Amino acid sequence: MTPPPLETAPLEPVSTTSPDRNAPDRKVSDTATSVTAKSGSTFYWPMRLLPASKRAAMFAIYAFCRRIDDIADEPGEPADKRAALDSWRRDIRDLYVGGVPGSPLTAALKGAIERYGLPRAELEALIDGMAMDVAGEEAGGFQAPDLDTLRLYCRRVAGAVGMLAIRVFDRADPDTEQFALALGEALQLTNILRDLAEDAELHRLYLPRELLRAAGIDATDPETVLAHPALPKACEALADLAEARFAEARSAIAGHARGSLWAATAMMVLYHRLLKRLRAAGWRDLKARVRVGRRESAWVAVRCMLGIPPAG
């Protein structure tokens, strides 16, 4: 399904062709809108159908996540990656003290911060999460963390996104914060279960050691673990944790999933469908890509926007 043309988002300035120092191999014409549109993310349609100002803010948050994730994932020396993340950390702090944005993306972030009161701590938590990946790389790879460390990682790289998003959705109350954190962890655990082979190529294995040992897997290196016959058992155990977090998220907003939270509800439905498909596939062919297509994503997003969300 070909997406319609994207109108110019109000939080983004006209782009130039000068290099963005945070991404030297890209041009600043890669605005928040274009970065998001190119990503193929399951989140695209729930974000795309938001009102213009909210859409621009969510695109800015998503594009920021993509940029710092690329720093952690792409080839390079860990010291250079740490320096690039530190540069982003300075840029974020500058935005909160009246600094002038240096690129279309930081300008879009500044607009979102000012319009929706986005907490600096959550943007910095995202950088902290990527720094965990870089630190793991220095140690030979982020491999089989304990469950507490994995949950901290999920809180930083996914829970922080939820805590930012609910402010864009105008719903920053205790129940909605509980929803955001539970859903963030559920989404990240689902990503981990989907991306086992891809992560292994980066010498990463996010399956927690407690679940590996319970499945009878003593190894922690990705190649050995992914070839182990008990891998599906460990994956099912992590899928159970993801299911519990999805259930917690649904419970936190029971009766309030419509209105301003419809986009978050769509994300929950889409990712829960992805988790169910992963479980049905059984982790037998780790290179077979399990996904939710754009047509289905658009249909779910429209249903949720109309207040009639389909089943997960």
Protein backbone atom coordinates (compact mmCIF):
# COMPACT_ATOMS: atom_id res chain seq x y z
CA MET A 1 0.00 0.00 0.00
CA THR A 2 1.63 3.25 -1.13
CA PRO A 3 1.33 5.95 1.53
CA PRO A 4 -0.10 9.30 0.47
CA PRO A 5 2.25 12.26 0.12
CA LEU A 6 3.32 13.76 3.41
CA GLU A 7 2.50 17.43 3.84
CA THR A 8 5.15 19.62 5.44
CA ALA A 9 5.03 19.26 9.22
CA PRO A 10 4.74 22.59 11.06
CA LEU A 11 7.51 21.78 13.53
CA GLU A 12 10.09 21.31 10.76
CA PRO A 13 11.92 24.18 9.03
CA VAL A 14 12.91 24.24 5.41
CA SER A 15 15.87 21.88 5.00
CA THR A 16 19.30 22.73 3.62
CA THR A 17 22.02 20.57 2.16
CA SER A 18 24.70 21.12 4.76
CA PRO A 19 25.82 18.03 6.69
CA ASP A 20 24.31 17.23 10.06
CA ARG A 21 27.24 16.80 12.43
CA ASN A 22 25.36 14.08 14.31
CA ALA A 23 25.03 12.00 11.15
CA PRO A 24 27.89 12.90 8.81
CA ASP A 25 26.85 10.45 6.10
CA ARG A 26 23.36 11.96 5.82
CA LYS A 27 21.98 15.30 4.71
CA VAL A 28 19.74 17.46 6.85
CA SER A 29 17.09 17.10 4.16
CA ASP A 30 16.41 13.89 6.12
CA THR A 31 13.81 15.67 8.23
CA ALA A 32 11.78 14.05 10.97
CA THR A 33 9.01 13.40 8.46
CA SER A 34 11.24 11.81 5.84
CA VAL A 35 13.14 9.67 8.36
CA THR A 36 9.85 8.28 9.67
CA ALA A 37 8.33 7.75 6.23
CA LYS A 38 11.39 5.81 5.03
CA SER A 39 11.58 3.61 8.11
CA GLY A 40 8.80 1.16 7.29
CA SER A 41 7.88 1.18 10.98
CA THR A 42 4.76 -0.52 12.28
CA PHE A 43 4.16 2.79 14.07
CA TYR A 44 3.96 4.78 10.83
CA TRP A 45 0.20 4.74 10.29
CA PRO A 46 -0.85 5.38 13.90
CA MET A 47 1.46 8.42 13.82
CA ARG A 48 0.54 9.45 10.27
CA LEU A 49 -3.16 9.82 11.08
CA LEU A 50 -2.64 12.10 14.08
CA PRO A 51 -3.54 15.81 13.86
CA ALA A 52 -0.73 17.84 12.27
CA SER A 53 0.97 19.19 15.41
CA LYS A 54 0.85 15.85 17.22
CA ARG A 55 2.03 14.00 14.11
CA ALA A 56 4.99 16.37 13.75
CA ALA A 57 5.92 15.86 17.42
CA MET A 58 5.70 12.08 17.17
CA PHE A 59 7.70 12.05 13.94
CA ALA A 60 10.37 14.15 15.68
CA ILE A 61 10.54 11.74 18.62
CA TYR A 62 10.67 8.73 16.30
CA ALA A 63 13.34 10.27 14.06
CA PHE A 64 15.45 11.13 17.10
CA CYS A 65 15.19 7.50 18.23
CA ARG A 66 16.22 6.29 14.77
CA ARG A 67 19.25 8.59 14.68
CA ILE A 68 20.66 7.57 18.05
CA ASP A 69 19.82 3.92 17.39
CA ASP A 70 21.82 4.13 14.16
CA ILE A 71 24.78 5.48 16.13
CA ALA A 72 24.72 2.40 18.36
CA ASP A 73 24.06 -0.10 15.55
CA GLU A 74 26.17 1.03 12.63
CA PRO A 75 29.87 0.05 12.25
CA GLY A 76 32.35 2.19 14.12
CA GLU A 77 34.60 2.45 17.12
CA PRO A 78 32.82 2.48 20.50
CA ALA A 79 34.70 5.66 21.47
CA ASP A 80 33.34 7.42 18.39
CA LYS A 81 29.84 6.18 19.16
CA ARG A 82 30.07 7.45 22.73
CA ALA A 83 31.22 10.82 21.42
CA ALA A 84 28.29 10.97 18.98
CA LEU A 85 25.81 10.11 21.75
CA ASP A 86 27.40 12.72 24.01
CA SER A 87 26.98 15.24 21.20
CA TRP A 88 23.28 14.44 21.08
CA ARG A 89 23.10 14.73 24.86
CA ARG A 90 24.54 18.24 24.63
CA ASP A 91 22.14 19.13 21.83
CA ILE A 92 19.15 17.98 23.91
CA ARG A 93 20.31 19.93 26.96
CA ASP A 94 20.84 23.02 24.79
CA LEU A 95 17.23 22.84 23.60
CA TYR A 96 16.05 23.25 27.19
CA VAL A 97 18.18 26.32 27.90
CA GLY A 98 17.36 28.37 24.82
CA GLY A 99 19.95 26.96 22.44
CA VAL A 100 19.53 27.40 18.69
CA PRO A 101 18.74 24.12 16.87
CA GLY A 102 21.49 23.04 14.50
CA SER A 103 19.42 20.85 12.16
CA PRO A 104 15.83 20.28 11.04
CA LEU A 105 15.55 17.36 13.45
CA THR A 106 16.65 19.33 16.52
CA ALA A 107 14.34 22.15 15.41
CA ALA A 108 11.46 19.68 15.23
CA LEU A 109 12.34 18.36 18.68
CA LYS A 110 12.46 21.90 20.07
CA GLY A 111 8.98 22.55 18.72
CA ALA A 112 7.67 19.35 20.29
CA ILE A 113 9.34 20.13 23.62
CA GLU A 114 7.85 23.61 23.74
CA ARG A 115 4.38 22.59 22.59
CA TYR A 116 3.96 19.46 24.73
CA GLY A 117 6.31 19.91 27.67
CA LEU A 118 8.40 16.84 26.89
CA PRO A 119 10.62 15.94 29.88
CA ARG A 120 14.35 16.23 29.19
CA ALA A 121 14.99 13.21 31.43
CA GLU A 122 13.07 10.94 29.05
CA LEU A 123 15.00 12.10 25.97
CA GLU A 124 18.23 11.56 27.88
CA ALA A 125 17.03 8.13 29.02
CA LEU A 126 16.83 7.14 25.35
CA ILE A 127 20.47 8.14 24.91
CA ASP A 128 21.36 6.19 28.07
CA GLY A 129 19.73 3.11 26.56
CA MET A 130 21.79 3.36 23.39
CA ALA A 131 24.88 3.87 25.56
CA MET A 132 24.13 0.49 27.15
CA ASP A 133 24.43 -1.08 23.69
CA VAL A 134 27.74 0.70 23.09
CA ALA A 135 29.06 -0.39 26.50
CA GLY A 136 28.05 -3.95 25.66
CA GLU A 137 29.92 -3.69 22.37
CA GLU A 138 33.09 -2.75 24.24
CA ALA A 139 32.65 -5.92 26.32
CA GLY A 140 32.27 -8.07 23.21
CA GLY A 141 28.52 -7.63 22.81
CA PHE A 142 25.41 -7.04 24.90
CA GLN A 143 24.80 -10.71 25.71
CA ALA A 144 22.32 -12.44 28.00
CA PRO A 145 21.81 -9.68 30.57
CA ASP A 146 20.11 -10.50 33.83
CA LEU A 147 16.40 -9.73 33.88
CA ASP A 148 16.78 -6.54 35.95
CA THR A 149 19.30 -5.15 33.45
CA LEU A 150 17.04 -6.07 30.55
CA ARG A 151 14.13 -4.28 32.18
CA LEU A 152 16.27 -1.19 32.75
CA TYR A 153 17.23 -1.29 29.08
CA CYS A 154 13.56 -1.59 28.07
CA ARG A 155 12.64 1.30 30.36
CA ARG A 156 15.21 3.50 28.68
CA VAL A 157 14.78 2.63 25.01
CA ALA A 158 11.01 2.01 24.99
CA GLY A 159 9.42 3.18 28.22
CA ALA A 160 10.89 6.63 27.63
CA VAL A 161 9.18 6.79 24.23
CA GLY A 162 5.87 5.98 25.89
CA MET A 163 6.39 8.64 28.54
CA LEU A 164 7.02 11.20 25.80
CA ALA A 165 4.13 10.01 23.64
CA ILE A 166 1.46 10.29 26.34
CA ARG A 167 2.34 13.96 26.70
CA VAL A 168 1.84 14.46 22.98
CA PHE A 169 -1.49 12.65 23.43
CA ASP A 170 -2.35 15.01 26.35
CA ARG A 171 -2.72 12.17 28.84
CA ALA A 172 0.09 12.38 31.44
CA ASP A 173 -1.67 10.95 34.50
CA PRO A 174 -0.63 8.06 36.80
CA ASP A 175 -2.75 5.42 35.04
CA THR A 176 -1.53 6.48 31.63
CA GLU A 177 2.09 6.53 32.80
CA GLN A 178 1.62 2.94 34.03
CA PHE A 179 0.16 2.11 30.62
CA ALA A 180 3.09 3.75 28.82
CA LEU A 181 5.74 1.88 30.81
CA ALA A 182 3.99 -1.49 30.57
CA LEU A 183 3.36 -1.08 26.85
CA GLY A 184 6.91 0.12 26.24
CA GLU A 185 8.35 -3.01 27.82
CA ALA A 186 5.89 -5.24 25.94
CA LEU A 187 6.86 -3.65 22.62
CA GLN A 188 10.57 -3.93 23.29
CA LEU A 189 10.35 -7.57 24.37
CA THR A 190 8.45 -8.25 21.15
CA ASN A 191 11.17 -6.51 19.16
CA ILE A 192 13.79 -8.66 20.89
CA LEU A 193 11.92 -11.83 19.97
CA ARG A 194 11.54 -10.66 16.37
CA ASP A 195 15.14 -9.54 15.87
CA LEU A 196 17.15 -12.43 17.32
CA ALA A 197 19.09 -13.14 14.13
CA GLU A 198 19.64 -9.46 13.30
CA ASP A 199 20.90 -8.73 16.81
CA ALA A 200 23.21 -11.75 16.72
CA GLU A 201 24.97 -10.22 13.70
CA LEU A 202 25.85 -7.32 16.03
CA HIS A 203 27.06 -9.83 18.68
CA ARG A 204 24.00 -9.06 20.80
CA LEU A 205 21.64 -11.37 22.63
CA TYR A 206 18.97 -9.75 24.74
CA LEU A 207 17.37 -12.97 26.02
CA PRO A 208 17.88 -12.83 29.81
CA ARG A 209 20.20 -15.36 31.34
CA GLU A 210 17.61 -16.51 33.89
CA LEU A 211 15.29 -17.65 31.11
CA LEU A 212 18.13 -19.27 29.17
CA ARG A 213 19.20 -21.28 32.21
CA ALA A 214 15.62 -22.27 32.98
CA ALA A 215 15.43 -23.63 29.42
CA GLY A 216 18.66 -25.59 29.95
CA ILE A 217 20.92 -23.25 27.97
CA ASP A 218 24.16 -22.43 29.77
CA ALA A 219 25.79 -20.52 26.91
CA THR A 220 25.44 -16.76 26.46
CA ASP A 221 27.07 -16.17 23.09
CA PRO A 222 24.49 -15.54 20.34
CA GLU A 223 25.71 -18.15 17.86
CA THR A 224 25.52 -21.00 20.37
CA VAL A 225 22.23 -19.91 21.90
CA LEU A 226 20.44 -19.42 18.59
CA ALA A 227 21.52 -22.88 17.44
CA HIS A 228 20.44 -24.56 20.70
CA PRO A 229 17.39 -26.86 20.41
CA ALA A 230 15.92 -25.34 23.60
CA LEU A 231 15.87 -21.81 22.16
CA PRO A 232 12.09 -21.86 21.52
CA LYS A 233 11.50 -22.66 25.20
CA ALA A 234 13.47 -19.59 26.29
CA CYS A 235 11.68 -17.46 23.70
CA GLU A 236 8.28 -18.67 24.89
CA ALA A 237 9.21 -17.69 28.43
CA LEU A 238 10.09 -14.18 27.30
CA ALA A 239 6.90 -14.06 25.22
CA ASP A 240 4.98 -14.88 28.41
CA LEU A 241 6.56 -11.83 30.07
CA ALA A 242 5.59 -9.70 27.07
CA GLU A 243 2.01 -11.00 27.24
CA ALA A 244 1.85 -10.08 30.92
CA ARG A 245 2.99 -6.54 30.13
CA PHE A 246 0.45 -6.22 27.32
CA ALA A 247 -2.24 -7.31 29.79
CA GLU A 248 -1.00 -4.77 32.34
CA ALA A 249 -1.12 -2.03 29.72
CA ARG A 250 -4.69 -2.92 28.73
CA SER A 251 -5.76 -2.99 32.36
CA ALA A 252 -4.19 0.42 33.09
CA ILE A 253 -6.40 2.15 30.54
CA ALA A 254 -9.46 -0.09 30.70
CA GLY A 255 -12.36 1.96 29.38
CA HIS A 256 -10.08 4.83 28.32
CA ALA A 257 -8.43 3.44 25.19
CA ARG A 258 -10.36 5.74 22.89
CA GLY A 259 -10.14 9.47 22.45
CA SER A 260 -6.62 10.87 22.73
CA LEU A 261 -5.06 7.43 23.28
CA TRP A 262 -6.30 5.86 20.08
CA ALA A 263 -2.84 5.96 18.43
CA ALA A 264 -1.22 4.23 21.42
CA THR A 265 -4.02 1.66 21.34
CA ALA A 266 -3.28 1.00 17.66
CA MET A 267 0.39 0.44 18.46
CA MET A 268 -0.61 -2.00 21.20
CA VAL A 269 -2.94 -3.94 18.88
CA LEU A 270 -0.38 -4.13 16.08
CA TYR A 271 2.48 -5.30 18.27
CA HIS A 272 0.33 -7.83 20.09
CA ARG A 273 -0.56 -9.28 16.69
CA LEU A 274 3.14 -9.43 15.88
CA LEU A 275 3.87 -11.28 19.12
CA LYS A 276 1.15 -13.83 18.40
CA ARG A 277 2.59 -14.45 14.93
CA LEU A 278 6.06 -14.93 16.36
CA ARG A 279 4.70 -17.50 18.78
CA ALA A 280 2.84 -19.27 15.98
CA ALA A 281 6.05 -19.41 13.91
CA GLY A 282 7.81 -20.93 16.92
CA TRP A 283 11.29 -19.46 16.33
CA ARG A 284 12.10 -22.29 13.94
CA ASP A 285 13.43 -20.09 11.12
CA LEU A 286 15.02 -17.03 12.68
CA LYS A 287 15.74 -15.40 9.33
CA ALA A 288 12.10 -15.50 8.23
CA ARG A 289 10.79 -11.99 8.82
CA VAL A 290 7.54 -11.93 10.77
CA ARG A 291 5.82 -8.60 10.35
CA VAL A 292 2.59 -6.64 10.20
CA GLY A 293 2.16 -5.06 6.77
CA ARG A 294 1.39 -1.43 6.04
CA ARG A 295 -2.10 -2.18 4.73
CA GLU A 296 -2.99 -3.97 7.95
CA SER A 297 -1.34 -1.25 10.01
CA ALA A 298 -3.39 1.42 8.23
CA TRP A 299 -6.62 -0.55 8.76
CA VAL A 300 -5.93 -1.02 12.47
CA ALA A 301 -5.02 2.65 12.87
CA VAL A 302 -8.25 3.82 11.19
CA ARG A 303 -10.35 1.46 13.31
CA CYS A 304 -8.73 2.74 16.49
CA MET A 305 -9.11 6.35 15.39
CA LEU A 306 -12.84 5.73 14.86
CA GLY A 307 -13.12 4.26 18.36
CA ILE A 308 -13.66 0.65 17.27
CA PRO A 309 -10.27 -1.00 17.81
CA PRO A 310 -10.00 -4.54 16.44
CA ALA A 311 -8.82 -7.42 18.57
CA GLY A 312 -5.11 -7.79 19.13
